Amino acid sequence: MQCSISECKEKAIQTVKISFRETRNLCDGHFKLFKNKDIEHFPRFSKASDY
Protein backbone atom coordinates (compact mmCIF):
# COMPACT_ATOMS: atom_id res chain seq x y z
CA MET A 1 0.00 0.00 0.00
CA GLN A 2 1.37 3.44 -0.97
CA CYS A 3 1.16 6.77 0.88
CA SER A 4 -1.91 8.84 -0.07
CA ILE A 5 0.07 12.08 -0.42
CA SER A 6 0.47 12.61 -4.17
CA GLU A 7 4.19 13.55 -4.21
CA CYS A 8 5.18 10.74 -1.84
CA LYS A 9 6.22 7.32 -3.11
CA GLU A 10 6.87 5.71 0.30
CA LYS A 11 5.10 2.67 1.71
CA ALA A 12 2.14 3.49 3.99
CA ILE A 13 2.36 2.34 7.59
CA GLN A 14 -0.87 3.73 9.08
CA THR A 15 -4.43 4.53 7.99
CA VAL A 16 -5.64 7.81 9.53
CA LYS A 17 -9.16 9.23 9.65
CA ILE A 18 -8.93 12.82 8.34
CA SER A 19 -12.60 13.77 8.54
CA PHE A 20 -16.01 12.18 8.95
CA ARG A 21 -15.82 10.33 5.61
CA GLU A 22 -12.20 10.55 4.54
CA THR A 23 -9.29 8.28 5.50
CA ARG A 24 -5.73 8.35 4.21
CA ASN A 25 -2.83 5.95 4.21
CA LEU A 26 0.27 7.73 5.48
CA CYS A 27 3.94 6.80 5.42
CA ASP A 28 6.17 7.16 8.49
CA GLY A 29 7.19 10.77 7.77
CA HIS A 30 3.71 12.07 6.98
CA PHE A 31 2.23 10.16 9.93
CA LYS A 32 4.65 11.91 12.31
CA LEU A 33 3.62 15.29 10.84
CA PHE A 34 -0.07 14.44 11.22
CA LYS A 35 0.40 13.20 14.79
CA ASN A 36 2.17 16.42 15.85
CA LYS A 37 -0.19 18.84 14.10
CA ASP A 38 -1.76 20.15 17.35
CA ILE A 39 1.51 20.98 19.11
CA GLU A 40 2.19 24.71 19.39
CA HIS A 41 5.60 25.88 18.27
CA PHE A 42 6.85 29.17 19.69
CA PRO A 43 9.31 31.26 17.65
CA ARG A 44 12.60 32.36 19.19
CA PHE A 45 13.80 35.82 18.20
CA SER A 46 17.35 37.06 18.49
CA LYS A 47 19.11 40.32 17.78
CA ALA A 48 20.76 40.55 14.38
CA SER A 49 23.38 43.08 15.53
CA ASP A 50 24.25 45.56 18.27
CA TYR A 51 23.94 48.69 16.09
PDB file of N, CA and C in Angstrom:
ATOM      1  N   MET A   1       0.852  -1.169   0.000  1.00  0.00           N
ATOM      2  CA  MET A   1       0.000   0.000   0.000  1.00  0.00           C
ATOM      3  C   MET A   1       0.901   1.236   0.000  1.00  0.00           C
ATOM      4  N   GLN A   2       0.550   2.247  -0.812  1.00  0.00           N
ATOM      5  CA  GLN A   2       1.367   3.442  -0.974  1.00  0.00           C
ATOM      6  C   GLN A   2       0.762   4.614  -0.205  1.00  0.00           C
ATOM      7  N   CYS A   3       1.601   5.572   0.171  1.00  0.00           N
ATOM      8  CA  CYS A   3       1.162   6.775   0.883  1.00  0.00           C
ATOM      9  C   CYS A   3       0.164   7.550   0.017  1.00  0.00           C
ATOM     10  N   SER A   4      -0.861   8.124   0.646  1.00  0.00           N
ATOM     11  CA  SER A   4      -1.912   8.842  -0.074  1.00  0.00           C
ATOM     12  C   SER A   4      -1.508  10.247  -0.510  1.00  0.00           C
ATOM     13  N   ILE A   5      -0.403  10.769  -0.011  1.00  0.00           N
ATOM     14  CA  ILE A   5       0.075  12.080  -0.422  1.00  0.00           C
ATOM     15  C   ILE A   5       0.632  11.945  -1.835  1.00  0.00           C
ATOM     16  N   SER A   6       0.188  12.806  -2.755  1.00  0.00           N
ATOM     17  CA  SER A   6       0.471  12.607  -4.172  1.00  0.00           C
ATOM     18  C   SER A   6       1.952  12.635  -4.531  1.00  0.00           C
ATOM     19  N   GLU A   7       2.769  13.461  -3.875  1.00  0.00           N
ATOM     20  CA  GLU A   7       4.188  13.546  -4.208  1.00  0.00           C
ATOM     21  C   GLU A   7       5.004  12.425  -3.578  1.00  0.00           C
ATOM     22  N   CYS A   8       4.447  11.739  -2.610  1.00  0.00           N
ATOM     23  CA  CYS A   8       5.182  10.737  -1.840  1.00  0.00           C
ATOM     24  C   CYS A   8       5.068   9.363  -2.489  1.00  0.00           C
ATOM     25  N   LYS A   9       6.193   8.661  -2.534  1.00  0.00           N
ATOM     26  CA  LYS A   9       6.221   7.315  -3.109  1.00  0.00           C
ATOM     27  C   LYS A   9       6.562   6.255  -2.068  1.00  0.00           C
ATOM     28  N   GLU A  10       6.524   6.631  -0.785  1.00  0.00           N
ATOM     29  CA  GLU A  10       6.873   5.712   0.298  1.00  0.00           C
ATOM     30  C   GLU A  10       5.751   4.717   0.576  1.00  0.00           C
ATOM     31  N   LYS A  11       6.070   3.681   1.317  1.00  0.00           N
ATOM     32  CA  LYS A  11       5.105   2.672   1.715  1.00  0.00           C
ATOM     33  C   LYS A  11       4.305   3.184   2.919  1.00  0.00           C
ATOM     34  N   ALA A  12       3.001   3.025   2.897  1.00  0.00           N
ATOM     35  CA  ALA A  12       2.136   3.487   3.986  1.00  0.00           C
ATOM     36  C   ALA A  12       2.253   2.546   5.182  1.00  0.00           C
ATOM     37  N   ILE A  13       2.274   3.151   6.381  1.00  0.00           N
ATOM     38  CA  ILE A  13       2.361   2.339   7.595  1.00  0.00           C
ATOM     39  C   ILE A  13       1.093   2.438   8.437  1.00  0.00           C
ATOM     40  N   GLN A  14       0.291   3.490   8.219  1.00  0.00           N
ATOM     41  CA  GLN A  14      -0.870   3.730   9.081  1.00  0.00           C
ATOM     42  C   GLN A  14      -2.006   4.336   8.276  1.00  0.00           C
ATOM     43  N   THR A  15      -3.238   3.920   8.562  1.00  0.00           N
ATOM     44  CA  THR A  15      -4.430   4.533   7.986  1.00  0.00           C
ATOM     45  C   THR A  15      -4.997   5.492   9.023  1.00  0.00           C
ATOM     46  N   VAL A  16      -5.220   6.748   8.613  1.00  0.00           N
ATOM     47  CA  VAL A  16      -5.643   7.806   9.526  1.00  0.00           C
ATOM     48  C   VAL A  16      -6.967   8.380   9.043  1.00  0.00           C
ATOM     49  N   LYS A  17      -7.875   8.621   9.989  1.00  0.00           N
ATOM     50  CA  LYS A  17      -9.157   9.230   9.653  1.00  0.00           C
ATOM     51  C   LYS A  17      -8.979  10.749   9.653  1.00  0.00           C
ATOM     52  N   ILE A  18      -9.131  11.378   8.492  1.00  0.00           N
ATOM     53  CA  ILE A  18      -8.927  12.819   8.337  1.00  0.00           C
ATOM     54  C   ILE A  18     -10.191  13.583   8.714  1.00  0.00           C
ATOM     55  N   SER A  19     -11.318  13.127   8.240  1.00  0.00           N
ATOM     56  CA  SER A  19     -12.596  13.768   8.537  1.00  0.00           C
ATOM     57  C   SER A  19     -13.656  12.686   8.717  1.00  0.00           C
ATOM     58  N   PHE A  20     -14.906  13.107   8.730  1.00  0.00           N
ATOM     59  CA  PHE A  20     -16.010  12.180   8.948  1.00  0.00           C
ATOM     60  C   PHE A  20     -16.009  11.036   7.936  1.00  0.00           C
ATOM     61  N   ARG A  21     -15.760  11.345   6.667  1.00  0.00           N
ATOM     62  CA  ARG A  21     -15.822  10.332   5.614  1.00  0.00           C
ATOM     63  C   ARG A  21     -14.464   9.930   5.041  1.00  0.00           C
ATOM     64  N   GLU A  22     -13.451  10.738   5.249  1.00  0.00           N
ATOM     65  CA  GLU A  22     -12.195  10.547   4.540  1.00  0.00           C
ATOM     66  C   GLU A  22     -11.123   9.901   5.414  1.00  0.00           C
ATOM     67  N   THR A  23     -10.454   8.900   4.853  1.00  0.00           N
ATOM     68  CA  THR A  23      -9.290   8.284   5.500  1.00  0.00           C
ATOM     69  C   THR A  23      -8.126   8.330   4.517  1.00  0.00           C
ATOM     70  N   ARG A  24      -6.926   8.340   5.054  1.00  0.00           N
ATOM     71  CA  ARG A  24      -5.733   8.355   4.212  1.00  0.00           C
ATOM     72  C   ARG A  24      -4.710   7.380   4.757  1.00  0.00           C
ATOM     73  N   ASN A  25      -3.947   6.817   3.847  1.00  0.00           N
ATOM     74  CA  ASN A  25      -2.835   5.945   4.205  1.00  0.00           C
ATOM     75  C   ASN A  25      -1.576   6.804   4.215  1.00  0.00           C
ATOM     76  N   LEU A  26      -0.895   6.860   5.351  1.00  0.00           N
ATOM     77  CA  LEU A  26       0.267   7.726   5.480  1.00  0.00           C
ATOM     78  C   LEU A  26       1.533   6.921   5.741  1.00  0.00           C
ATOM     79  N   CYS A  27       2.632   7.403   5.161  1.00  0.00           N
ATOM     80  CA  CYS A  27       3.940   6.797   5.418  1.00  0.00           C
ATOM     81  C   CYS A  27       4.450   7.290   6.772  1.00  0.00           C
ATOM     82  N   ASP A  28       5.611   6.831   7.172  1.00  0.00           N
ATOM     83  CA  ASP A  28       6.167   7.161   8.487  1.00  0.00           C
ATOM     84  C   ASP A  28       6.362   8.666   8.657  1.00  0.00           C
ATOM     85  N   GLY A  29       6.939   9.342   7.668  1.00  0.00           N
ATOM     86  CA  GLY A  29       7.191  10.775   7.766  1.00  0.00           C
ATOM     87  C   GLY A  29       5.927  11.598   7.836  1.00  0.00           C
ATOM     88  N   HIS A  30       4.959  11.319   6.976  1.00  0.00           N
ATOM     89  CA  HIS A  30       3.708  12.067   6.979  1.00  0.00           C
ATOM     90  C   HIS A  30       2.860  11.744   8.205  1.00  0.00           C
ATOM     91  N   PHE A  31       2.964  10.512   8.718  1.00  0.00           N
ATOM     92  CA  PHE A  31       2.226  10.163   9.927  1.00  0.00           C
ATOM     93  C   PHE A  31       2.750  10.937  11.131  1.00  0.00           C
ATOM     94  N   LYS A  32       4.073  11.117  11.227  1.00  0.00           N
ATOM     95  CA  LYS A  32       4.648  11.912  12.315  1.00  0.00           C
ATOM     96  C   LYS A  32       4.180  13.364  12.233  1.00  0.00           C
ATOM     97  N   LEU A  33       4.118  13.920  11.017  1.00  0.00           N
ATOM     98  CA  LEU A  33       3.623  15.290  10.844  1.00  0.00           C
ATOM     99  C   LEU A  33       2.162  15.399  11.251  1.00  0.00           C
ATOM    100  N   PHE A  34       1.348  14.423  10.869  1.00  0.00           N
ATOM    101  CA  PHE A  34      -0.069  14.440  11.216  1.00  0.00           C
ATOM    102  C   PHE A  34      -0.268  14.300  12.719  1.00  0.00           C
ATOM    103  N   LYS A  35       0.528  13.450  13.354  1.00  0.00           N
ATOM    104  CA  LYS A  35       0.397  13.204  14.788  1.00  0.00           C
ATOM    105  C   LYS A  35       0.760  14.439  15.609  1.00  0.00           C
ATOM    106  N   ASN A  36       1.709  15.244  15.124  1.00  0.00           N
ATOM    107  CA  ASN A  36       2.173  16.419  15.853  1.00  0.00           C
ATOM    108  C   ASN A  36       1.522  17.716  15.389  1.00  0.00           C
ATOM    109  N   LYS A  37       0.415  17.643  14.670  1.00  0.00           N
ATOM    110  CA  LYS A  37      -0.191  18.845  14.096  1.00  0.00           C
ATOM    111  C   LYS A  37      -0.779  19.789  15.148  1.00  0.00           C
ATOM    112  N   ASP A  38      -1.128  19.301  16.333  1.00  0.00           N
ATOM    113  CA  ASP A  38      -1.762  20.146  17.347  1.00  0.00           C
ATOM    114  C   ASP A  38      -0.769  20.762  18.324  1.00  0.00           C
ATOM    115  N   ILE A  39       0.502  20.425  18.207  1.00  0.00           N
ATOM    116  CA  ILE A  39       1.513  20.977  19.108  1.00  0.00           C
ATOM    117  C   ILE A  39       1.829  22.411  18.689  1.00  0.00           C
ATOM    118  N   GLU A  40       1.861  23.316  19.673  1.00  0.00           N
ATOM    119  CA  GLU A  40       2.188  24.708  19.388  1.00  0.00           C
ATOM    120  C   GLU A  40       3.692  24.891  19.380  1.00  0.00           C
ATOM    121  N   HIS A  41       4.174  25.581  18.372  1.00  0.00           N
ATOM    122  CA  HIS A  41       5.599  25.878  18.265  1.00  0.00           C
ATOM    123  C   HIS A  41       5.787  27.374  18.438  1.00  0.00           C
ATOM    124  N   PHE A  42       6.627  27.765  19.400  1.00  0.00           N
ATOM    125  CA  PHE A  42       6.855  29.171  19.689  1.00  0.00           C
ATOM    126  C   PHE A  42       8.140  29.638  19.005  1.00  0.00           C
ATOM    127  N   PRO A  43       8.098  30.766  18.308  1.00  0.00           N
ATOM    128  CA  PRO A  43       9.309  31.263  17.652  1.00  0.00           C
ATOM    129  C   PRO A  43      10.282  31.848  18.663  1.00  0.00           C
ATOM    130  N   ARG A  44      11.560  31.751  18.363  1.00  0.00           N
ATOM    131  CA  ARG A  44      12.602  32.361  19.194  1.00  0.00           C
ATOM    132  C   ARG A  44      13.241  33.470  18.372  1.00  0.00           C
ATOM    133  N   PHE A  45      13.224  34.690  18.901  1.00  0.00           N
ATOM    134  CA  PHE A  45      13.796  35.823  18.205  1.00  0.00           C
ATOM    135  C   PHE A  45      15.144  36.162  18.822  1.00  0.00           C
ATOM    136  N   SER A  46      16.058  36.612  17.997  1.00  0.00           N
ATOM    137  CA  SER A  46      17.355  37.059  18.494  1.00  0.00           C
ATOM    138  C   SER A  46      17.748  38.330  17.756  1.00  0.00           C
ATOM    139  N   LYS A  47      18.648  39.084  18.369  1.00  0.00           N
ATOM    140  CA  LYS A  47      19.109  40.324  17.775  1.00  0.00           C
ATOM    141  C   LYS A  47      20.038  40.020  16.617  1.00  0.00           C
ATOM    142  N   ALA A  48      19.880  40.756  15.536  1.00  0.00           N
ATOM    143  CA  ALA A  48      20.762  40.550  14.384  1.00  0.00           C
ATOM    144  C   ALA A  48      22.122  41.224  14.621  1.00  0.00           C
ATOM    145  N   SER A  49      22.122  42.374  15.258  1.00  0.00           N
ATOM    146  CA  SER A  49      23.377  43.081  15.530  1.00  0.00           C
ATOM    147  C   SER A  49      23.199  44.032  16.709  1.00  0.00           C
ATOM    148  N   ASP A  50      24.287  44.638  17.145  1.00  0.00           N
ATOM    149  CA  ASP A  50      24.252  45.561  18.267  1.00  0.00           C
ATOM    150  C   ASP A  50      24.130  47.015  17.835  1.00  0.00           C
ATOM    151  N   TYR A  51      23.996  47.314  16.571  1.00  0.00           N
ATOM    152  CA  TYR A  51      23.941  48.694  16.090  1.00  0.00           C
ATOM    153  C   TYR A  51      22.631  49.349  16.410  1.00  0.00           C
TER     154      TYR A  51
END
